[in-house]
Protein backbone atom coordinates (compact mmCIF):
# COMPACT_ATOMS: atom_id res chain seq x y z
CA MET A 1 3.79 16.17 -0.77
CA LYS A 2 0.98 16.10 1.65
CA VAL A 3 -0.07 12.62 2.36
CA THR A 4 -3.67 12.37 4.49
CA LEU A 5 -5.56 8.61 5.62
CA TRP A 6 -8.77 8.05 5.12
CA GLY A 7 -8.58 4.46 6.03
CA THR A 8 -6.20 2.31 7.63
CA ARG A 9 -8.35 -1.29 8.22
CA GLY A 10 -8.19 -4.31 6.65
CA SER A 11 -10.63 -6.90 5.90
CA ILE A 12 -14.13 -5.66 6.65
CA PRO A 13 -14.58 -1.97 8.15
CA THR A 14 -15.29 -1.87 11.49
CA PRO A 15 -16.71 1.74 12.55
CA GLY A 16 -17.73 2.08 16.47
CA PRO A 17 -16.51 4.05 19.81
CA GLU A 18 -14.18 1.06 20.31
CA THR A 19 -12.19 2.07 17.08
CA ALA A 20 -13.06 5.96 17.15
CA HIS A 21 -9.75 7.05 17.69
CA TYR A 22 -7.86 5.27 14.82
CA GLY A 23 -10.60 4.36 12.85
CA GLY A 24 -12.48 1.72 11.02
CA ASN A 25 -12.86 2.25 7.24
CA THR A 26 -10.53 0.43 4.92
CA SER A 27 -6.89 1.42 3.09
CA CYS A 28 -7.01 4.67 1.56
CA VAL A 29 -4.84 7.08 1.54
CA HIS A 30 -4.72 10.81 -0.66
CA VAL A 31 -1.70 12.24 -1.48
CA ILE A 32 -1.58 16.35 -2.72
CA GLY A 33 2.19 17.40 -4.30
CA ASP A 34 3.30 20.43 -4.31
CA GLY A 35 1.96 21.69 -7.11
CA GLY A 36 -1.81 20.09 -6.63
CA ASP A 37 -1.37 17.00 -8.24
CA GLN A 38 -3.40 14.63 -6.75
CA LEU A 39 -3.73 10.42 -6.16
CA VAL A 40 -5.42 8.26 -4.32
CA LEU A 41 -3.74 4.96 -3.26
CA ASP A 42 -6.28 2.36 -2.93
CA ALA A 43 -10.43 2.25 -2.97
CA GLY A 44 -11.43 1.64 0.57
CA THR A 45 -14.34 2.40 2.35
CA GLY A 46 -12.62 5.64 3.43
CA ILE A 47 -12.42 6.54 0.25
CA ARG A 48 -16.21 7.74 -0.06
CA ARG A 49 -15.80 10.41 2.39
CA LEU A 50 -12.59 11.44 0.21
CA GLY A 51 -14.35 11.63 -2.70
CA ASP A 52 -17.06 14.04 -1.10
CA THR A 53 -14.26 16.77 -0.11
CA PHE A 54 -13.65 17.25 -4.22
CA PRO A 55 -14.76 20.00 -6.03
CA ARG A 56 -17.01 19.96 -8.52
CA PRO A 57 -16.77 20.19 -11.72
CA GLY A 58 -13.43 18.02 -11.38
CA GLY A 59 -9.92 17.96 -13.03
CA ARG A 60 -7.99 15.11 -13.04
CA VAL A 61 -7.36 12.50 -10.46
CA ASP A 62 -5.26 9.57 -10.10
CA LEU A 63 -6.57 5.93 -8.14
CA LEU A 64 -3.77 3.88 -7.56
CA LEU A 65 -5.20 0.63 -6.47
CA SER A 66 -2.65 -1.98 -4.64
CA HIS A 67 -4.46 -5.10 -5.81
CA LEU A 68 -8.60 -5.95 -6.17
CA HIS A 69 -9.38 -8.04 -2.58
CA MET A 70 -12.66 -6.76 -1.99
CA ASP A 71 -11.18 -4.39 1.23
CA HIS A 72 -9.02 -2.14 -1.47
CA ILE A 73 -12.28 -1.59 -3.33
CA GLN A 74 -15.55 -1.63 -1.20
CA GLY A 75 -15.51 2.24 -1.73
CA LEU A 76 -14.59 2.54 -5.71
CA GLY A 77 -18.12 2.44 -6.47
CA PHE A 78 -19.27 5.30 -4.01
CA PHE A 79 -16.36 7.72 -5.31
CA ALA A 80 -18.02 11.09 -6.11
CA PRO A 81 -15.13 11.68 -9.44
CA LEU A 82 -16.70 8.88 -11.07
CA TYR A 83 -19.85 10.14 -11.42
CA ASP A 84 -18.77 13.83 -12.64
CA PRO A 85 -18.92 14.26 -16.63
CA ASP A 86 -16.40 16.73 -15.87
CA ALA A 87 -13.66 14.81 -14.04
CA GLU A 88 -10.72 12.90 -15.86
CA VAL A 89 -9.87 9.57 -13.39
CA HIS A 90 -7.27 7.45 -14.26
CA ILE A 91 -7.39 4.18 -12.39
CA TRP A 92 -3.90 2.10 -12.58
CA GLY A 93 -3.85 -1.44 -11.16
CA PRO A 94 -2.45 -5.17 -11.72
CA ALA A 95 -3.92 -7.62 -14.12
CA SER A 96 -4.47 -11.10 -13.48
CA THR A 97 -2.65 -13.90 -15.57
CA THR A 98 -6.21 -14.66 -17.37
CA LEU A 99 -8.28 -10.65 -17.04
CA GLY A 100 -7.07 -7.25 -17.69
CA LEU A 101 -7.89 -4.54 -15.21
CA ALA A 102 -10.91 -3.65 -16.76
CA GLN A 103 -12.49 -7.21 -16.53
CA ARG A 104 -12.06 -7.57 -13.26
CA LEU A 105 -12.87 -4.40 -11.92
CA SER A 106 -16.40 -5.27 -14.30
CA ARG A 107 -16.63 -7.54 -11.86
CA TYR A 108 -17.47 -5.25 -8.94
CA LEU A 109 -18.95 -2.54 -10.93
CA ALA A 110 -21.90 -5.06 -12.36
CA PRO A 111 -24.96 -6.07 -10.59
CA PRO A 112 -25.98 -8.70 -8.43
CA LEU A 113 -22.78 -6.71 -6.63
CA PHE A 114 -23.71 -3.09 -7.53
CA PRO A 115 -26.25 -1.31 -9.86
CA VAL A 116 -24.02 0.88 -12.20
CA LEU A 117 -21.88 -0.41 -14.59
CA LEU A 118 -18.21 0.23 -15.41
CA ARG A 119 -18.96 1.44 -18.86
CA ASP A 120 -21.84 3.77 -17.67
CA LEU A 121 -19.98 5.64 -15.45
CA PRO A 122 -20.09 9.22 -16.92
CA CYS A 123 -16.79 10.74 -16.03
CA ASP A 124 -13.49 10.89 -18.25
CA LEU A 125 -12.44 6.68 -17.28
CA GLN A 126 -9.08 5.58 -18.10
CA LEU A 127 -7.57 2.29 -16.81
CA HIS A 128 -3.88 1.48 -16.79
CA GLU A 129 -2.35 -1.68 -16.07
CA VAL A 130 0.52 -1.64 -13.92
CA PRO A 131 3.82 -2.90 -12.91
CA CYS A 132 4.62 -1.23 -16.34
CA GLY A 133 7.91 0.54 -15.35
CA GLU A 134 8.59 4.10 -14.35
CA PHE A 135 5.43 6.77 -15.64
CA GLU A 136 4.80 9.84 -14.39
CA ILE A 137 1.81 11.76 -13.33
CA GLY A 138 2.28 15.05 -13.14
CA ALA A 139 5.19 15.91 -10.67
CA PHE A 140 4.94 12.80 -9.97
CA ARG A 141 7.42 9.79 -10.51
CA VAL A 142 5.94 6.39 -10.10
CA ARG A 143 7.14 2.53 -9.79
CA ALA A 144 4.56 0.09 -9.31
CA ASP A 145 6.20 -3.58 -8.69
CA MET A 146 4.44 -6.42 -7.51
CA VAL A 147 5.37 -7.45 -3.66
CA CYS A 148 4.15 -10.74 -1.66
CA HIS A 149 0.74 -11.08 -1.03
CA PRO A 150 -1.83 -14.01 -2.58
CA GLY A 151 -3.36 -12.41 -5.71
CA PRO A 152 -1.66 -10.03 -8.03
CA THR A 153 -0.40 -7.29 -5.59
CA VAL A 154 1.71 -4.01 -6.61
CA GLY A 155 3.48 -1.47 -4.00
CA TYR A 156 3.85 2.01 -5.10
CA ARG A 157 7.13 4.22 -4.82
CA ILE A 158 6.08 7.55 -5.03
CA ARG A 159 8.93 10.27 -5.61
CA GLU A 160 8.07 14.13 -5.81
CA GLY A 161 11.83 16.22 -6.06
CA GLU A 162 13.86 14.89 -3.53
CA ARG A 163 10.93 13.01 -1.27
CA VAL A 164 9.89 9.48 -1.28
CA LEU A 165 6.51 8.03 -0.35
CA CYS A 166 6.73 3.87 -0.34
CA TYR A 167 3.36 2.22 -0.24
CA LEU A 168 3.37 -1.60 0.88
CA SER A 169 -0.17 -1.67 2.42
CA ASP A 170 -0.78 -5.58 2.18
CA HIS A 171 2.76 -7.45 2.27
CA GLU A 172 3.91 -10.46 3.43
CA PRO A 173 8.44 -10.07 2.96
CA ALA A 174 8.58 -12.72 5.75
CA LEU A 175 7.11 -15.41 3.92
CA GLY A 176 9.22 -18.38 4.00
CA MET A 177 12.17 -16.91 5.95
CA ASP A 178 13.11 -19.18 9.02
CA GLY A 179 13.47 -16.28 11.45
CA PHE A 180 13.11 -12.62 9.74
CA GLU A 181 16.54 -10.75 10.98
CA LEU A 182 18.88 -8.29 10.10
CA GLU A 183 21.52 -9.79 9.51
CA LYS A 184 19.73 -12.50 7.03
CA LEU A 185 17.89 -9.54 5.38
CA GLU A 186 21.11 -8.38 3.75
CA HIS A 187 22.30 -11.39 2.25
CA GLY A 188 19.48 -12.03 -0.14
CA TRP A 189 16.39 -10.74 -2.04
CA VAL A 190 13.62 -9.38 0.04
CA SER A 191 10.31 -8.37 -1.35
CA GLY A 192 9.36 -4.82 -1.64
CA HIS A 193 12.65 -3.65 -0.36
CA ALA A 194 13.52 -1.59 -3.78
CA LEU A 195 10.37 0.32 -3.46
CA ALA A 196 11.11 0.98 0.14
CA GLU A 197 14.94 1.40 -0.15
CA GLY A 198 15.31 5.08 1.62
CA ALA A 199 11.93 6.76 1.53
CA ASP A 200 11.22 9.26 3.69
CA LEU A 201 7.40 7.84 4.72
CA LEU A 202 6.68 4.08 4.29
CA ILE A 203 3.31 3.24 5.05
CA HIS A 204 3.39 -0.33 5.84
CA ASP A 205 1.28 -3.16 6.56
CA THR A 206 1.32 -3.89 10.47
CA GLN A 207 -2.30 -6.44 10.61
CA TYR A 208 -1.07 -9.03 13.68
CA THR A 209 0.89 -9.13 16.39
CA SER A 210 3.77 -12.23 16.86
CA GLU A 211 1.57 -14.67 17.84
CA GLU A 212 -1.14 -14.24 15.17
CA TYR A 213 1.54 -14.12 12.65
CA ARG A 214 2.73 -17.61 13.20
CA GLU A 215 -0.89 -19.19 13.37
CA ARG A 216 -1.17 -17.09 9.66
CA VAL A 217 2.12 -17.77 7.73
CA GLY A 218 1.35 -17.16 4.00
CA TRP A 219 -1.93 -14.85 4.36
CA GLY A 220 -0.39 -11.99 2.78
CA HIS A 221 0.11 -9.88 6.01
CA SER A 222 3.23 -9.14 8.98
CA SER A 223 3.51 -8.53 12.29
CA VAL A 224 4.42 -5.00 13.73
CA SER A 225 7.97 -6.79 14.60
CA GLN A 226 8.47 -8.16 11.09
CA CYS A 227 7.36 -4.48 10.03
CA LEU A 228 10.03 -2.59 11.88
CA THR A 229 12.49 -5.36 10.82
CA PHE A 230 11.78 -4.65 7.38
CA ALA A 231 11.87 -0.89 8.09
CA ARG A 232 15.16 -0.96 9.67
CA PHE A 233 16.34 -3.18 6.45
CA ALA A 234 14.82 0.09 3.77
CA ARG A 235 16.64 2.34 5.82
CA VAL A 236 13.16 4.78 5.92
CA GLU A 237 13.00 7.68 7.99
CA HIS A 238 9.32 7.54 9.29
CA LEU A 239 7.33 3.69 9.26
CA VAL A 240 3.52 4.29 9.69
CA ALA A 241 1.96 0.96 11.06
CA PHE A 242 -1.28 0.53 8.42
CA HIS A 243 -3.69 -2.14 7.40
CA HIS A 244 -4.97 -3.03 11.03
CA ASP A 245 -6.66 -5.88 12.22
CA PRO A 246 -10.33 -5.35 11.93
CA ALA A 247 -10.91 -6.62 15.00
CA ARG A 248 -8.41 -4.65 16.96
CA THR A 249 -9.63 -1.63 19.45
CA ASP A 250 -8.41 1.47 20.19
CA GLU A 251 -6.93 0.37 23.51
CA ALA A 252 -5.50 -2.34 21.48
CA LEU A 253 -3.50 -0.53 18.65
CA ALA A 254 -2.17 1.94 21.60
CA GLU A 255 -0.84 -1.39 23.30
CA LEU A 256 0.91 -2.37 20.20
CA ALA A 257 1.88 1.50 20.09
CA LEU A 258 4.03 0.97 23.35
CA ARG A 259 5.80 -2.38 22.27
CA ALA A 260 7.05 -1.33 18.97
CA ALA A 261 8.26 2.01 21.09
CA GLY A 262 10.07 -0.52 23.32
CA GLN A 263 11.39 -2.48 20.41
CA GLY A 264 14.61 -0.49 21.46
CA ASP A 265 16.99 2.41 19.71
CA LEU A 266 14.99 2.36 16.39
CA PRO A 267 16.63 5.25 13.28
CA PHE A 268 13.26 6.06 12.43
CA ARG A 269 10.24 7.18 13.50
CA VAL A 270 6.89 4.96 13.81
CA THR A 271 3.13 6.71 13.90
CA ILE A 272 0.46 3.88 14.10
CA GLY A 273 -1.84 5.65 11.49
CA ALA A 274 -4.99 6.58 12.17
CA GLU A 275 -7.84 8.48 10.31
CA GLY A 276 -7.22 12.11 9.78
CA ASP A 277 -3.35 11.93 10.06
CA VAL A 278 -1.52 14.30 7.83
CA PHE A 279 2.43 13.77 7.18
CA LYS A 280 3.70 16.49 4.96
CA LEU A 281 7.01 15.80 3.27
C-alpha cells in the first residue's frame, strides 16, 4: 500500500512562500494498493493536481469523503476523472439526518457555487452512503464509523492484507473530557479508537496547540498533545500529523515537530505531514 499526501491543511488554502515546504492545499490523500486499486481520501484543493495524474481514458477510482465541510470538497469540481466518460467514479460519504449524499453534494455542484451540475458529469458516477458496515473496494477492506466532529463526519480504517491505514482528518476525541490522559482513556469509550486500534499508519487531525485548543473546545479538532495521547492509546505504529491550521507557517510547523519530539519516549514514529510525503506500508 502506497499513501501520498496531496493536501494537509484545514479551512481555506494558504499557498505561499511561508508554506512552501508543508504546502497550502486542503485535505486530500491518495492510496494505491499493491494490485493497483486506488482510493482518494477527501476532495480538498489538493485533489485538482492529483486528478491531473490519472491516465485517460480512466478506469475505476473511489473517493472517500470524511464529511462535507467546504475545505474537504473545495476541489471536487476540478477532479479530472469526473469529466472522463470512460472513468468509473464511486463517491462514498455521509448523509445527514434530512438529506441523502446526492442531495448534499448537489448543493455544491450547482449554481451559484459551481457551473456544472452533479447530474451532468459525464463519468459513470455512483454514490454510496456511509457508515454502512465494512465494505470491499478491490483488495481493500474498508470500515467507516461516525466520529466526533460537527456535522455528519466519518473516519476510515483501510486494510490491505495485514497492513492498516486509519484516516481521521477532522476529529476531537477530547471533547467533554476534563483532561485527556492515557489513564482515563483506558477506562472508557473514545471516539475513533476502534478505527485506529493497532494501525500501521494513522493520519490524524492536529490543528491546534494546547493553548489554542482551550479557546476552541467543540470546534471539532485536536491539539498536537491530544493527538499524541490518542495515538498512544490506539497503539499505532506511525502517526502523521494532519489538517494543519491554515495560518501555520513552515517555521511554526517545524517548531511543533520539535515539541512533539520532546514529548518523551513515544512508542511510535511521528511525522508532520507535508504535501508530497509518501508512505509505504
